[in-house]
PDBML (XML) file of the C-alpha atoms, coordinates in Angstrom:
<?xml version="1.0" encoding="UTF-8" ?>
<PDBx:datablock datablockName="MODEL"
   xmlns:PDBx="http://pdbml.pdb.org/schema/pdbx-v50.xsd"
   xmlns:xsi="http://www.w3.org/2001/XMLSchema-instance"
   xsi:schemaLocation="http://pdbml.pdb.org/schema/pdbx-v50.xsd pdbx-v50.xsd">
   <PDBx:atom_siteCategory>
      <PDBx:atom_site id="1">
         <PDBx:B_iso_or_equiv>0.00</PDBx:B_iso_or_equiv>
         <PDBx:Cartn_x>158.670</PDBx:Cartn_x>
         <PDBx:Cartn_y>172.572</PDBx:Cartn_y>
         <PDBx:Cartn_z>239.492</PDBx:Cartn_z>
         <PDBx:auth_asym_id>A</PDBx:auth_asym_id>
         <PDBx:auth_atom_id>CA</PDBx:auth_atom_id>
         <PDBx:auth_comp_id>UNK</PDBx:auth_comp_id>
         <PDBx:auth_seq_id>1</PDBx:auth_seq_id>
         <PDBx:group_PDB>ATOM</PDBx:group_PDB>
         <PDBx:label_alt_id xsi:nil="true" />
         <PDBx:label_asym_id>A</PDBx:label_asym_id>
         <PDBx:label_atom_id>CA</PDBx:label_atom_id>
         <PDBx:label_comp_id>UNK</PDBx:label_comp_id>
         <PDBx:label_entity_id>1</PDBx:label_entity_id>
         <PDBx:label_seq_id>1</PDBx:label_seq_id>
         <PDBx:occupancy>1.00</PDBx:occupancy>
         <PDBx:pdbx_PDB_model_num>1</PDBx:pdbx_PDB_model_num>
         <PDBx:type_symbol>C</PDBx:type_symbol>
      </PDBx:atom_site>
      <PDBx:atom_site id="2">
         <PDBx:B_iso_or_equiv>0.00</PDBx:B_iso_or_equiv>
         <PDBx:Cartn_x>154.913</PDBx:Cartn_x>
         <PDBx:Cartn_y>172.806</PDBx:Cartn_y>
         <PDBx:Cartn_z>238.935</PDBx:Cartn_z>
         <PDBx:auth_asym_id>A</PDBx:auth_asym_id>
         <PDBx:auth_atom_id>CA</PDBx:auth_atom_id>
         <PDBx:auth_comp_id>UNK</PDBx:auth_comp_id>
         <PDBx:auth_seq_id>2</PDBx:auth_seq_id>
         <PDBx:group_PDB>ATOM</PDBx:group_PDB>
         <PDBx:label_alt_id xsi:nil="true" />
         <PDBx:label_asym_id>A</PDBx:label_asym_id>
         <PDBx:label_atom_id>CA</PDBx:label_atom_id>
         <PDBx:label_comp_id>UNK</PDBx:label_comp_id>
         <PDBx:label_entity_id>1</PDBx:label_entity_id>
         <PDBx:label_seq_id>2</PDBx:label_seq_id>
         <PDBx:occupancy>1.00</PDBx:occupancy>
         <PDBx:pdbx_PDB_model_num>1</PDBx:pdbx_PDB_model_num>
         <PDBx:type_symbol>C</PDBx:type_symbol>
      </PDBx:atom_site>
      <PDBx:atom_site id="3">
         <PDBx:B_iso_or_equiv>0.00</PDBx:B_iso_or_equiv>
         <PDBx:Cartn_x>155.367</PDBx:Cartn_x>
         <PDBx:Cartn_y>173.633</PDBx:Cartn_y>
         <PDBx:Cartn_z>235.233</PDBx:Cartn_z>
         <PDBx:auth_asym_id>A</PDBx:auth_asym_id>
         <PDBx:auth_atom_id>CA</PDBx:auth_atom_id>
         <PDBx:auth_comp_id>UNK</PDBx:auth_comp_id>
         <PDBx:auth_seq_id>3</PDBx:auth_seq_id>
         <PDBx:group_PDB>ATOM</PDBx:group_PDB>
         <PDBx:label_alt_id xsi:nil="true" />
         <PDBx:label_asym_id>A</PDBx:label_asym_id>
         <PDBx:label_atom_id>CA</PDBx:label_atom_id>
         <PDBx:label_comp_id>UNK</PDBx:label_comp_id>
         <PDBx:label_entity_id>1</PDBx:label_entity_id>
         <PDBx:label_seq_id>3</PDBx:label_seq_id>
         <PDBx:occupancy>1.00</PDBx:occupancy>
         <PDBx:pdbx_PDB_model_num>1</PDBx:pdbx_PDB_model_num>
         <PDBx:type_symbol>C</PDBx:type_symbol>
      </PDBx:atom_site>
      <PDBx:atom_site id="4">
         <PDBx:B_iso_or_equiv>0.00</PDBx:B_iso_or_equiv>
         <PDBx:Cartn_x>156.626</PDBx:Cartn_x>
         <PDBx:Cartn_y>170.059</PDBx:Cartn_y>
         <PDBx:Cartn_z>234.898</PDBx:Cartn_z>
         <PDBx:auth_asym_id>A</PDBx:auth_asym_id>
         <PDBx:auth_atom_id>CA</PDBx:auth_atom_id>
         <PDBx:auth_comp_id>UNK</PDBx:auth_comp_id>
         <PDBx:auth_seq_id>4</PDBx:auth_seq_id>
         <PDBx:group_PDB>ATOM</PDBx:group_PDB>
         <PDBx:label_alt_id xsi:nil="true" />
         <PDBx:label_asym_id>A</PDBx:label_asym_id>
         <PDBx:label_atom_id>CA</PDBx:label_atom_id>
         <PDBx:label_comp_id>UNK</PDBx:label_comp_id>
         <PDBx:label_entity_id>1</PDBx:label_entity_id>
         <PDBx:label_seq_id>4</PDBx:label_seq_id>
         <PDBx:occupancy>1.00</PDBx:occupancy>
         <PDBx:pdbx_PDB_model_num>1</PDBx:pdbx_PDB_model_num>
         <PDBx:type_symbol>C</PDBx:type_symbol>
      </PDBx:atom_site>
      <PDBx:atom_site id="5">
         <PDBx:B_iso_or_equiv>0.00</PDBx:B_iso_or_equiv>
         <PDBx:Cartn_x>153.181</PDBx:Cartn_x>
         <PDBx:Cartn_y>168.933</PDBx:Cartn_y>
         <PDBx:Cartn_z>236.085</PDBx:Cartn_z>
         <PDBx:auth_asym_id>A</PDBx:auth_asym_id>
         <PDBx:auth_atom_id>CA</PDBx:auth_atom_id>
         <PDBx:auth_comp_id>UNK</PDBx:auth_comp_id>
         <PDBx:auth_seq_id>5</PDBx:auth_seq_id>
         <PDBx:group_PDB>ATOM</PDBx:group_PDB>
         <PDBx:label_alt_id xsi:nil="true" />
         <PDBx:label_asym_id>A</PDBx:label_asym_id>
         <PDBx:label_atom_id>CA</PDBx:label_atom_id>
         <PDBx:label_comp_id>UNK</PDBx:label_comp_id>
         <PDBx:label_entity_id>1</PDBx:label_entity_id>
         <PDBx:label_seq_id>5</PDBx:label_seq_id>
         <PDBx:occupancy>1.00</PDBx:occupancy>
         <PDBx:pdbx_PDB_model_num>1</PDBx:pdbx_PDB_model_num>
         <PDBx:type_symbol>C</PDBx:type_symbol>
      </PDBx:atom_site>
      <PDBx:atom_site id="6">
         <PDBx:B_iso_or_equiv>0.00</PDBx:B_iso_or_equiv>
         <PDBx:Cartn_x>150.806</PDBx:Cartn_x>
         <PDBx:Cartn_y>171.457</PDBx:Cartn_y>
         <PDBx:Cartn_z>234.497</PDBx:Cartn_z>
         <PDBx:auth_asym_id>A</PDBx:auth_asym_id>
         <PDBx:auth_atom_id>CA</PDBx:auth_atom_id>
         <PDBx:auth_comp_id>UNK</PDBx:auth_comp_id>
         <PDBx:auth_seq_id>6</PDBx:auth_seq_id>
         <PDBx:group_PDB>ATOM</PDBx:group_PDB>
         <PDBx:label_alt_id xsi:nil="true" />
         <PDBx:label_asym_id>A</PDBx:label_asym_id>
         <PDBx:label_atom_id>CA</PDBx:label_atom_id>
         <PDBx:label_comp_id>UNK</PDBx:label_comp_id>
         <PDBx:label_entity_id>1</PDBx:label_entity_id>
         <PDBx:label_seq_id>6</PDBx:label_seq_id>
         <PDBx:occupancy>1.00</PDBx:occupancy>
         <PDBx:pdbx_PDB_model_num>1</PDBx:pdbx_PDB_model_num>
         <PDBx:type_symbol>C</PDBx:type_symbol>
      </PDBx:atom_site>
      <PDBx:atom_site id="7">
         <PDBx:B_iso_or_equiv>0.00</PDBx:B_iso_or_equiv>
         <PDBx:Cartn_x>147.985</PDBx:Cartn_x>
         <PDBx:Cartn_y>173.367</PDBx:Cartn_y>
         <PDBx:Cartn_z>236.184</PDBx:Cartn_z>
         <PDBx:auth_asym_id>A</PDBx:auth_asym_id>
         <PDBx:auth_atom_id>CA</PDBx:auth_atom_id>
         <PDBx:auth_comp_id>UNK</PDBx:auth_comp_id>
         <PDBx:auth_seq_id>7</PDBx:auth_seq_id>
         <PDBx:group_PDB>ATOM</PDBx:group_PDB>
         <PDBx:label_alt_id xsi:nil="true" />
         <PDBx:label_asym_id>A</PDBx:label_asym_id>
         <PDBx:label_atom_id>CA</PDBx:label_atom_id>
         <PDBx:label_comp_id>UNK</PDBx:label_comp_id>
         <PDBx:label_entity_id>1</PDBx:label_entity_id>
         <PDBx:label_seq_id>7</PDBx:label_seq_id>
         <PDBx:occupancy>1.00</PDBx:occupancy>
         <PDBx:pdbx_PDB_model_num>1</PDBx:pdbx_PDB_model_num>
         <PDBx:type_symbol>C</PDBx:type_symbol>
      </PDBx:atom_site>
      <PDBx:atom_site id="8">
         <PDBx:B_iso_or_equiv>0.00</PDBx:B_iso_or_equiv>
         <PDBx:Cartn_x>144.614</PDBx:Cartn_x>
         <PDBx:Cartn_y>171.946</PDBx:Cartn_y>
         <PDBx:Cartn_z>235.051</PDBx:Cartn_z>
         <PDBx:auth_asym_id>A</PDBx:auth_asym_id>
         <PDBx:auth_atom_id>CA</PDBx:auth_atom_id>
         <PDBx:auth_comp_id>UNK</PDBx:auth_comp_id>
         <PDBx:auth_seq_id>8</PDBx:auth_seq_id>
         <PDBx:group_PDB>ATOM</PDBx:group_PDB>
         <PDBx:label_alt_id xsi:nil="true" />
         <PDBx:label_asym_id>A</PDBx:label_asym_id>
         <PDBx:label_atom_id>CA</PDBx:label_atom_id>
         <PDBx:label_comp_id>UNK</PDBx:label_comp_id>
         <PDBx:label_entity_id>1</PDBx:label_entity_id>
         <PDBx:label_seq_id>8</PDBx:label_seq_id>
         <PDBx:occupancy>1.00</PDBx:occupancy>
         <PDBx:pdbx_PDB_model_num>1</PDBx:pdbx_PDB_model_num>
         <PDBx:type_symbol>C</PDBx:type_symbol>
      </PDBx:atom_site>
      <PDBx:atom_site id="9">
         <PDBx:B_iso_or_equiv>0.00</PDBx:B_iso_or_equiv>
         <PDBx:Cartn_x>142.768</PDBx:Cartn_x>
         <PDBx:Cartn_y>175.099</PDBx:Cartn_y>
         <PDBx:Cartn_z>236.213</PDBx:Cartn_z>
         <PDBx:auth_asym_id>A</PDBx:auth_asym_id>
         <PDBx:auth_atom_id>CA</PDBx:auth_atom_id>
         <PDBx:auth_comp_id>UNK</PDBx:auth_comp_id>
         <PDBx:auth_seq_id>9</PDBx:auth_seq_id>
         <PDBx:group_PDB>ATOM</PDBx:group_PDB>
         <PDBx:label_alt_id xsi:nil="true" />
         <PDBx:label_asym_id>A</PDBx:label_asym_id>
         <PDBx:label_atom_id>CA</PDBx:label_atom_id>
         <PDBx:label_comp_id>UNK</PDBx:label_comp_id>
         <PDBx:label_entity_id>1</PDBx:label_entity_id>
         <PDBx:label_seq_id>9</PDBx:label_seq_id>
         <PDBx:occupancy>1.00</PDBx:occupancy>
         <PDBx:pdbx_PDB_model_num>1</PDBx:pdbx_PDB_model_num>
         <PDBx:type_symbol>C</PDBx:type_symbol>
      </PDBx:atom_site>
      <PDBx:atom_site id="10">
         <PDBx:B_iso_or_equiv>0.00</PDBx:B_iso_or_equiv>
         <PDBx:Cartn_x>140.866</PDBx:Cartn_x>
         <PDBx:Cartn_y>176.590</PDBx:Cartn_y>
         <PDBx:Cartn_z>233.300</PDBx:Cartn_z>
         <PDBx:auth_asym_id>A</PDBx:auth_asym_id>
         <PDBx:auth_atom_id>CA</PDBx:auth_atom_id>
         <PDBx:auth_comp_id>UNK</PDBx:auth_comp_id>
         <PDBx:auth_seq_id>10</PDBx:auth_seq_id>
         <PDBx:group_PDB>ATOM</PDBx:group_PDB>
         <PDBx:label_alt_id xsi:nil="true" />
         <PDBx:label_asym_id>A</PDBx:label_asym_id>
         <PDBx:label_atom_id>CA</PDBx:label_atom_id>
         <PDBx:label_comp_id>UNK</PDBx:label_comp_id>
         <PDBx:label_entity_id>1</PDBx:label_entity_id>
         <PDBx:label_seq_id>10</PDBx:label_seq_id>
         <PDBx:occupancy>1.00</PDBx:occupancy>
         <PDBx:pdbx_PDB_model_num>1</PDBx:pdbx_PDB_model_num>
         <PDBx:type_symbol>C</PDBx:type_symbol>
      </PDBx:atom_site>
      <PDBx:atom_site id="11">
         <PDBx:B_iso_or_equiv>0.00</PDBx:B_iso_or_equiv>
         <PDBx:Cartn_x>142.421</PDBx:Cartn_x>
         <PDBx:Cartn_y>174.144</PDBx:Cartn_y>
         <PDBx:Cartn_z>230.832</PDBx:Cartn_z>
         <PDBx:auth_asym_id>A</PDBx:auth_asym_id>
         <PDBx:auth_atom_id>CA</PDBx:auth_atom_id>
         <PDBx:auth_comp_id>UNK</PDBx:auth_comp_id>
         <PDBx:auth_seq_id>11</PDBx:auth_seq_id>
         <PDBx:group_PDB>ATOM</PDBx:group_PDB>
         <PDBx:label_alt_id xsi:nil="true" />
         <PDBx:label_asym_id>A</PDBx:label_asym_id>
         <PDBx:label_atom_id>CA</PDBx:label_atom_id>
         <PDBx:label_comp_id>UNK</PDBx:label_comp_id>
         <PDBx:label_entity_id>1</PDBx:label_entity_id>
         <PDBx:label_seq_id>11</PDBx:label_seq_id>
         <PDBx:occupancy>1.00</PDBx:occupancy>
         <PDBx:pdbx_PDB_model_num>1</PDBx:pdbx_PDB_model_num>
         <PDBx:type_symbol>C</PDBx:type_symbol>
      </PDBx:atom_site>
      <PDBx:atom_site id="12">
         <PDBx:B_iso_or_equiv>0.00</PDBx:B_iso_or_equiv>
         <PDBx:Cartn_x>140.429</PDBx:Cartn_x>
         <PDBx:Cartn_y>171.888</PDBx:Cartn_y>
         <PDBx:Cartn_z>228.543</PDBx:Cartn_z>
         <PDBx:auth_asym_id>A</PDBx:auth_asym_id>
         <PDBx:auth_atom_id>CA</PDBx:auth_atom_id>
         <PDBx:auth_comp_id>UNK</PDBx:auth_comp_id>
         <PDBx:auth_seq_id>12</PDBx:auth_seq_id>
         <PDBx:group_PDB>ATOM</PDBx:group_PDB>
         <PDBx:label_alt_id xsi:nil="true" />
         <PDBx:label_asym_id>A</PDBx:label_asym_id>
         <PDBx:label_atom_id>CA</PDBx:label_atom_id>
         <PDBx:label_comp_id>UNK</PDBx:label_comp_id>
         <PDBx:label_entity_id>1</PDBx:label_entity_id>
         <PDBx:label_seq_id>12</PDBx:label_seq_id>
         <PDBx:occupancy>1.00</PDBx:occupancy>
         <PDBx:pdbx_PDB_model_num>1</PDBx:pdbx_PDB_model_num>
         <PDBx:type_symbol>C</PDBx:type_symbol>
      </PDBx:atom_site>
      <PDBx:atom_site id="13">
         <PDBx:B_iso_or_equiv>0.00</PDBx:B_iso_or_equiv>
         <PDBx:Cartn_x>143.291</PDBx:Cartn_x>
         <PDBx:Cartn_y>169.567</PDBx:Cartn_y>
         <PDBx:Cartn_z>227.690</PDBx:Cartn_z>
         <PDBx:auth_asym_id>A</PDBx:auth_asym_id>
         <PDBx:auth_atom_id>CA</PDBx:auth_atom_id>
         <PDBx:auth_comp_id>UNK</PDBx:auth_comp_id>
         <PDBx:auth_seq_id>13</PDBx:auth_seq_id>
         <PDBx:group_PDB>ATOM</PDBx:group_PDB>
         <PDBx:label_alt_id xsi:nil="true" />
         <PDBx:label_asym_id>A</PDBx:label_asym_id>
         <PDBx:label_atom_id>CA</PDBx:label_atom_id>
         <PDBx:label_comp_id>UNK</PDBx:label_comp_id>
         <PDBx:label_entity_id>1</PDBx:label_entity_id>
         <PDBx:label_seq_id>13</PDBx:label_seq_id>
         <PDBx:occupancy>1.00</PDBx:occupancy>
         <PDBx:pdbx_PDB_model_num>1</PDBx:pdbx_PDB_model_num>
         <PDBx:type_symbol>C</PDBx:type_symbol>
      </PDBx:atom_site>
      <PDBx:atom_site id="14">
         <PDBx:B_iso_or_equiv>0.00</PDBx:B_iso_or_equiv>
         <PDBx:Cartn_x>146.635</PDBx:Cartn_x>
         <PDBx:Cartn_y>168.278</PDBx:Cartn_y>
         <PDBx:Cartn_z>228.887</PDBx:Cartn_z>
         <PDBx:auth_asym_id>A</PDBx:auth_asym_id>
         <PDBx:auth_atom_id>CA</PDBx:auth_atom_id>
         <PDBx:auth_comp_id>UNK</PDBx:auth_comp_id>
         <PDBx:auth_seq_id>14</PDBx:auth_seq_id>
         <PDBx:group_PDB>ATOM</PDBx:group_PDB>
         <PDBx:label_alt_id xsi:nil="true" />
         <PDBx:label_asym_id>A</PDBx:label_asym_id>
         <PDBx:label_atom_id>CA</PDBx:label_atom_id>
         <PDBx:label_comp_id>UNK</PDBx:label_comp_id>
         <PDBx:label_entity_id>1</PDBx:label_entity_id>
         <PDBx:label_seq_id>14</PDBx:label_seq_id>
         <PDBx:occupancy>1.00</PDBx:occupancy>
         <PDBx:pdbx_PDB_model_num>1</PDBx:pdbx_PDB_model_num>
         <PDBx:type_symbol>C</PDBx:type_symbol>
      </PDBx:atom_site>
      <PDBx:atom_site id="15">
         <PDBx:B_iso_or_equiv>0.00</PDBx:B_iso_or_equiv>
         <PDBx:Cartn_x>149.508</PDBx:Cartn_x>
         <PDBx:Cartn_y>170.700</PDBx:Cartn_y>
         <PDBx:Cartn_z>228.426</PDBx:Cartn_z>
         <PDBx:auth_asym_id>A</PDBx:auth_asym_id>
         <PDBx:auth_atom_id>CA</PDBx:auth_atom_id>
         <PDBx:auth_comp_id>UNK</PDBx:auth_comp_id>
         <PDBx:auth_seq_id>15</PDBx:auth_seq_id>
         <PDBx:group_PDB>ATOM</PDBx:group_PDB>
         <PDBx:label_alt_id xsi:nil="true" />
         <PDBx:label_asym_id>A</PDBx:label_asym_id>
         <PDBx:label_atom_id>CA</PDBx:label_atom_id>
         <PDBx:label_comp_id>UNK</PDBx:label_comp_id>
         <PDBx:label_entity_id>1</PDBx:label_entity_id>
         <PDBx:label_seq_id>15</PDBx:label_seq_id>
         <PDBx:occupancy>1.00</PDBx:occupancy>
         <PDBx:pdbx_PDB_model_num>1</PDBx:pdbx_PDB_model_num>
         <PDBx:type_symbol>C</PDBx:type_symbol>
      </PDBx:atom_site>
      <PDBx:atom_site id="16">
         <PDBx:B_iso_or_equiv>0.00</PDBx:B_iso_or_equiv>
         <PDBx:Cartn_x>152.639</PDBx:Cartn_x>
         <PDBx:Cartn_y>169.844</PDBx:Cartn_y>
         <PDBx:Cartn_z>226.498</PDBx:Cartn_z>
         <PDBx:auth_asym_id>A</PDBx:auth_asym_id>
         <PDBx:auth_atom_id>CA</PDBx:auth_atom_id>
         <PDBx:auth_comp_id>UNK</PDBx:auth_comp_id>
         <PDBx:auth_seq_id>16</PDBx:auth_seq_id>
         <PDBx:group_PDB>ATOM</PDBx:group_PDB>
         <PDBx:label_alt_id xsi:nil="true" />
         <PDBx:label_asym_id>A</PDBx:label_asym_id>
         <PDBx:label_atom_id>CA</PDBx:label_atom_id>
         <PDBx:label_comp_id>UNK</PDBx:label_comp_id>
         <PDBx:label_entity_id>1</PDBx:label_entity_id>
         <PDBx:label_seq_id>16</PDBx:label_seq_id>
         <PDBx:occupancy>1.00</PDBx:occupancy>
         <PDBx:pdbx_PDB_model_num>1</PDBx:pdbx_PDB_model_num>
         <PDBx:type_symbol>C</PDBx:type_symbol>
      </PDBx:atom_site>
      <PDBx:atom_site id="17">
         <PDBx:B_iso_or_equiv>0.00</PDBx:B_iso_or_equiv>
         <PDBx:Cartn_x>155.422</PDBx:Cartn_x>
         <PDBx:Cartn_y>169.082</PDBx:Cartn_y>
         <PDBx:Cartn_z>228.975</PDBx:Cartn_z>
         <PDBx:auth_asym_id>A</PDBx:auth_asym_id>
         <PDBx:auth_atom_id>CA</PDBx:auth_atom_id>
         <PDBx:auth_comp_id>UNK</PDBx:auth_comp_id>
         <PDBx:auth_seq_id>17</PDBx:auth_seq_id>
         <PDBx:group_PDB>ATOM</PDBx:group_PDB>
         <PDBx:label_alt_id xsi:nil="true" />
         <PDBx:label_asym_id>A</PDBx:label_asym_id>
         <PDBx:label_atom_id>CA</PDBx:label_atom_id>
         <PDBx:label_comp_id>UNK</PDBx:label_comp_id>
         <PDBx:label_entity_id>1</PDBx:label_entity_id>
         <PDBx:label_seq_id>17</PDBx:label_seq_id>
         <PDBx:occupancy>1.00</PDBx:occupancy>
         <PDBx:pdbx_PDB_model_num>1</PDBx:pdbx_PDB_model_num>
         <PDBx:type_symbol>C</PDBx:type_symbol>
      </PDBx:atom_site>
      <PDBx:atom_site id="18">
         <PDBx:B_iso_or_equiv>0.00</PDBx:B_iso_or_equiv>
         <PDBx:Cartn_x>158.664</PDBx:Cartn_x>
         <PDBx:Cartn_y>171.081</PDBx:Cartn_y>
         <PDBx:Cartn_z>228.790</PDBx:Cartn_z>
         <PDBx:auth_asym_id>A</PDBx:auth_asym_id>
         <PDBx:auth_atom_id>CA</PDBx:auth_atom_id>
         <PDBx:auth_comp_id>UNK</PDBx:auth_comp_id>
         <PDBx:auth_seq_id>18</PDBx:auth_seq_id>
         <PDBx:group_PDB>ATOM</PDBx:group_PDB>
         <PDBx:label_alt_id xsi:nil="true" />
         <PDBx:label_asym_id>A</PDBx:label_asym_id>
         <PDBx:label_atom_id>CA</PDBx:label_atom_id>
         <PDBx:label_comp_id>UNK</PDBx:label_comp_id>
         <PDBx:label_entity_id>1</PDBx:label_entity_id>
         <PDBx:label_seq_id>18</PDBx:label_seq_id>
         <PDBx:occupancy>1.00</PDBx:occupancy>
         <PDBx:pdbx_PDB_model_num>1</PDBx:pdbx_PDB_model_num>
         <PDBx:type_symbol>C</PDBx:type_symbol>
      </PDBx:atom_site>
      <PDBx:atom_site id="19">
         <PDBx:B_iso_or_equiv>0.00</PDBx:B_iso_or_equiv>
         <PDBx:Cartn_x>162.146</PDBx:Cartn_x>
         <PDBx:Cartn_y>169.844</PDBx:Cartn_y>
         <PDBx:Cartn_z>229.668</PDBx:Cartn_z>
         <PDBx:auth_asym_id>A</PDBx:auth_asym_id>
         <PDBx:auth_atom_id>CA</PDBx:auth_atom_id>
         <PDBx:auth_comp_id>UNK</PDBx:auth_comp_id>
         <PDBx:auth_seq_id>19</PDBx:auth_seq_id>
         <PDBx:group_PDB>ATOM</PDBx:group_PDB>
         <PDBx:label_alt_id xsi:nil="true" />
         <PDBx:label_asym_id>A</PDBx:label_asym_id>
         <PDBx:label_atom_id>CA</PDBx:label_atom_id>
         <PDBx:label_comp_id>UNK</PDBx:label_comp_id>
         <PDBx:label_entity_id>1</PDBx:label_entity_id>
         <PDBx:label_seq_id>19</PDBx:label_seq_id>
         <PDBx:occupancy>1.00</PDBx:occupancy>
         <PDBx:pdbx_PDB_model_num>1</PDBx:pdbx_PDB_model_num>
         <PDBx:type_symbol>C</PDBx:type_symbol>
      </PDBx:atom_site>
      <PDBx:atom_site id="20">
         <PDBx:B_iso_or_equiv>0.00</PDBx:B_iso_or_equiv>
         <PDBx:Cartn_x>164.341</PDBx:Cartn_x>
         <PDBx:Cartn_y>171.447</PDBx:Cartn_y>
         <PDBx:Cartn_z>232.336</PDBx:Cartn_z>
         <PDBx:auth_asym_id>A</PDBx:auth_asym_id>
         <PDBx:auth_atom_id>CA</PDBx:auth_atom_id>
         <PDBx:auth_comp_id>UNK</PDBx:auth_comp_id>
         <PDBx:auth_seq_id>20</PDBx:auth_seq_id>
         <PDBx:group_PDB>ATOM</PDBx:group_PDB>
         <PDBx:label_alt_id xsi:nil="true" />
         <PDBx:label_asym_id>A</PDBx:label_asym_id>
         <PDBx:label_atom_id>CA</PDBx:label_atom_id>
         <PDBx:label_comp_id>UNK</PDBx:label_comp_id>
         <PDBx:label_entity_id>1</PDBx:label_entity_id>
         <PDBx:label_seq_id>20</PDBx:label_seq_id>
         <PDBx:occupancy>1.00</PDBx:occupancy>
         <PDBx:pdbx_PDB_model_num>1</PDBx:pdbx_PDB_model_num>
         <PDBx:type_symbol>C</PDBx:type_symbol>
      </PDBx:atom_site>
      <PDBx:atom_site id="21">
         <PDBx:B_iso_or_equiv>0.00</PDBx:B_iso_or_equiv>
         <PDBx:Cartn_x>166.354</PDBx:Cartn_x>
         <PDBx:Cartn_y>173.527</PDBx:Cartn_y>
         <PDBx:Cartn_z>229.843</PDBx:Cartn_z>
         <PDBx:auth_asym_id>A</PDBx:auth_asym_id>
         <PDBx:auth_atom_id>CA</PDBx:auth_atom_id>
         <PDBx:auth_comp_id>UNK</PDBx:auth_comp_id>
         <PDBx:auth_seq_id>21</PDBx:auth_seq_id>
         <PDBx:group_PDB>ATOM</PDBx:group_PDB>
         <PDBx:label_alt_id xsi:nil="true" />
         <PDBx:label_asym_id>A</PDBx:label_asym_id>
         <PDBx:label_atom_id>CA</PDBx:label_atom_id>
         <PDBx:label_comp_id>UNK</PDBx:label_comp_id>
         <PDBx:label_entity_id>1</PDBx:label_entity_id>
         <PDBx:label_seq_id>21</PDBx:label_seq_id>
         <PDBx:occupancy>1.00</PDBx:occupancy>
         <PDBx:pdbx_PDB_model_num>1</PDBx:pdbx_PDB_model_num>
         <PDBx:type_symbol>C</PDBx:type_symbol>
      </PDBx:atom_site>
      <PDBx:atom_site id="22">
         <PDBx:B_iso_or_equiv>0.00</PDBx:B_iso_or_equiv>
         <PDBx:Cartn_x>163.204</PDBx:Cartn_x>
         <PDBx:Cartn_y>174.969</PDBx:Cartn_y>
         <PDBx:Cartn_z>228.270</PDBx:Cartn_z>
         <PDBx:auth_asym_id>A</PDBx:auth_asym_id>
         <PDBx:auth_atom_id>CA</PDBx:auth_atom_id>
         <PDBx:auth_comp_id>UNK</PDBx:auth_comp_id>
         <PDBx:auth_seq_id>22</PDBx:auth_seq_id>
         <PDBx:group_PDB>ATOM</PDBx:group_PDB>
         <PDBx:label_alt_id xsi:nil="true" />
         <PDBx:label_asym_id>A</PDBx:label_asym_id>
         <PDBx:label_atom_id>CA</PDBx:label_atom_id>
         <PDBx:label_comp_id>UNK</PDBx:label_comp_id>
         <PDBx:label_entity_id>1</PDBx:label_entity_id>
         <PDBx:label_seq_id>22</PDBx:label_seq_id>
         <PDBx:occupancy>1.00</PDBx:occupancy>
         <PDBx:pdbx_PDB_model_num>1</PDBx:pdbx_PDB_model_num>
         <PDBx:type_symbol>C</PDBx:type_symbol>
      </PDBx:atom_site>
      <PDBx:atom_site id="23">
         <PDBx:B_iso_or_equiv>0.00</PDBx:B_iso_or_equiv>
         <PDBx:Cartn_x>161.725</PDBx:Cartn_x>
         <PDBx:Cartn_y>175.831</PDBx:Cartn_y>
         <PDBx:Cartn_z>231.662</PDBx:Cartn_z>
         <PDBx:auth_asym_id>A</PDBx:auth_asym_id>
         <PDBx:auth_atom_id>CA</PDBx:auth_atom_id>
         <PDBx:auth_comp_id>UNK</PDBx:auth_comp_id>
         <PDBx:auth_seq_id>23</PDBx:auth_seq_id>
         <PDBx:group_PDB>ATOM</PDBx:group_PDB>
         <PDBx:label_alt_id xsi:nil="true" />
         <PDBx:label_asym_id>A</PDBx:label_asym_id>
         <PDBx:label_atom_id>CA</PDBx:label_atom_id>
         <PDBx:label_comp_id>UNK</PDBx:label_comp_id>
         <PDBx:label_entity_id>1</PDBx:label_entity_id>
         <PDBx:label_seq_id>23</PDBx:label_seq_id>
         <PDBx:occupancy>1.00</PDBx:occupancy>
         <PDBx:pdbx_PDB_model_num>1</PDBx:pdbx_PDB_model_num>
         <PDBx:type_symbol>C</PDBx:type_symbol>
      </PDBx:atom_site>
      <PDBx:atom_site id="24">
         <PDBx:B_iso_or_equiv>0.00</PDBx:B_iso_or_equiv>
         <PDBx:Cartn_x>164.964</PDBx:Cartn_x>
         <PDBx:Cartn_y>177.490</PDBx:Cartn_y>
         <PDBx:Cartn_z>232.841</PDBx:Cartn_z>
         <PDBx:auth_asym_id>A</PDBx:auth_asym_id>
         <PDBx:auth_atom_id>CA</PDBx:auth_atom_id>
         <PDBx:auth_comp_id>UNK</PDBx:auth_comp_id>
         <PDBx:auth_seq_id>24</PDBx:auth_seq_id>
         <PDBx:group_PDB>ATOM</PDBx:group_PDB>
         <PDBx:label_alt_id xsi:nil="true" />
         <PDBx:label_asym_id>A</PDBx:label_asym_id>
         <PDBx:label_atom_id>CA</PDBx:label_atom_id>
         <PDBx:label_comp_id>UNK</PDBx:label_comp_id>
         <PDBx:label_entity_id>1</PDBx:label_entity_id>
         <PDBx:label_seq_id>24</PDBx:label_seq_id>
         <PDBx:occupancy>1.00</PDBx:occupancy>
         <PDBx:pdbx_PDB_model_num>1</PDBx:pdbx_PDB_model_num>
         <PDBx:type_symbol>C</PDBx:type_symbol>
      </PDBx:atom_site>
      <PDBx:atom_site id="25">
         <PDBx:B_iso_or_equiv>0.00</PDBx:B_iso_or_equiv>
         <PDBx:Cartn_x>165.201</PDBx:Cartn_x>
         <PDBx:Cartn_y>179.573</PDBx:Cartn_y>
         <PDBx:Cartn_z>229.659</PDBx:Cartn_z>
         <PDBx:auth_asym_id>A</PDBx:auth_asym_id>
         <PDBx:auth_atom_id>CA</PDBx:auth_atom_id>
         <PDBx:auth_comp_id>UNK</PDBx:auth_comp_id>
         <PDBx:auth_seq_id>25</PDBx:auth_seq_id>
         <PDBx:group_PDB>ATOM</PDBx:group_PDB>
         <PDBx:label_alt_id xsi:nil="true" />
         <PDBx:label_asym_id>A</PDBx:label_asym_id>
         <PDBx:label_atom_id>CA</PDBx:label_atom_id>
         <PDBx:label_comp_id>UNK</PDBx:label_comp_id>
         <PDBx:label_entity_id>1</PDBx:label_entity_id>
         <PDBx:label_seq_id>25</PDBx:label_seq_id>
         <PDBx:occupancy>1.00</PDBx:occupancy>
         <PDBx:pdbx_PDB_model_num>1</PDBx:pdbx_PDB_model_num>
         <PDBx:type_symbol>C</PDBx:type_symbol>
      </PDBx:atom_site>
   </PDBx:atom_siteCategory>
</PDBx:datablock>
């Protein structure tokens, strides 16, 4: 669930969002 949001901790930029199939794999 949280991978769909992206943790900003320690990150300098916005992460690329993954779809449900990519996250499940």
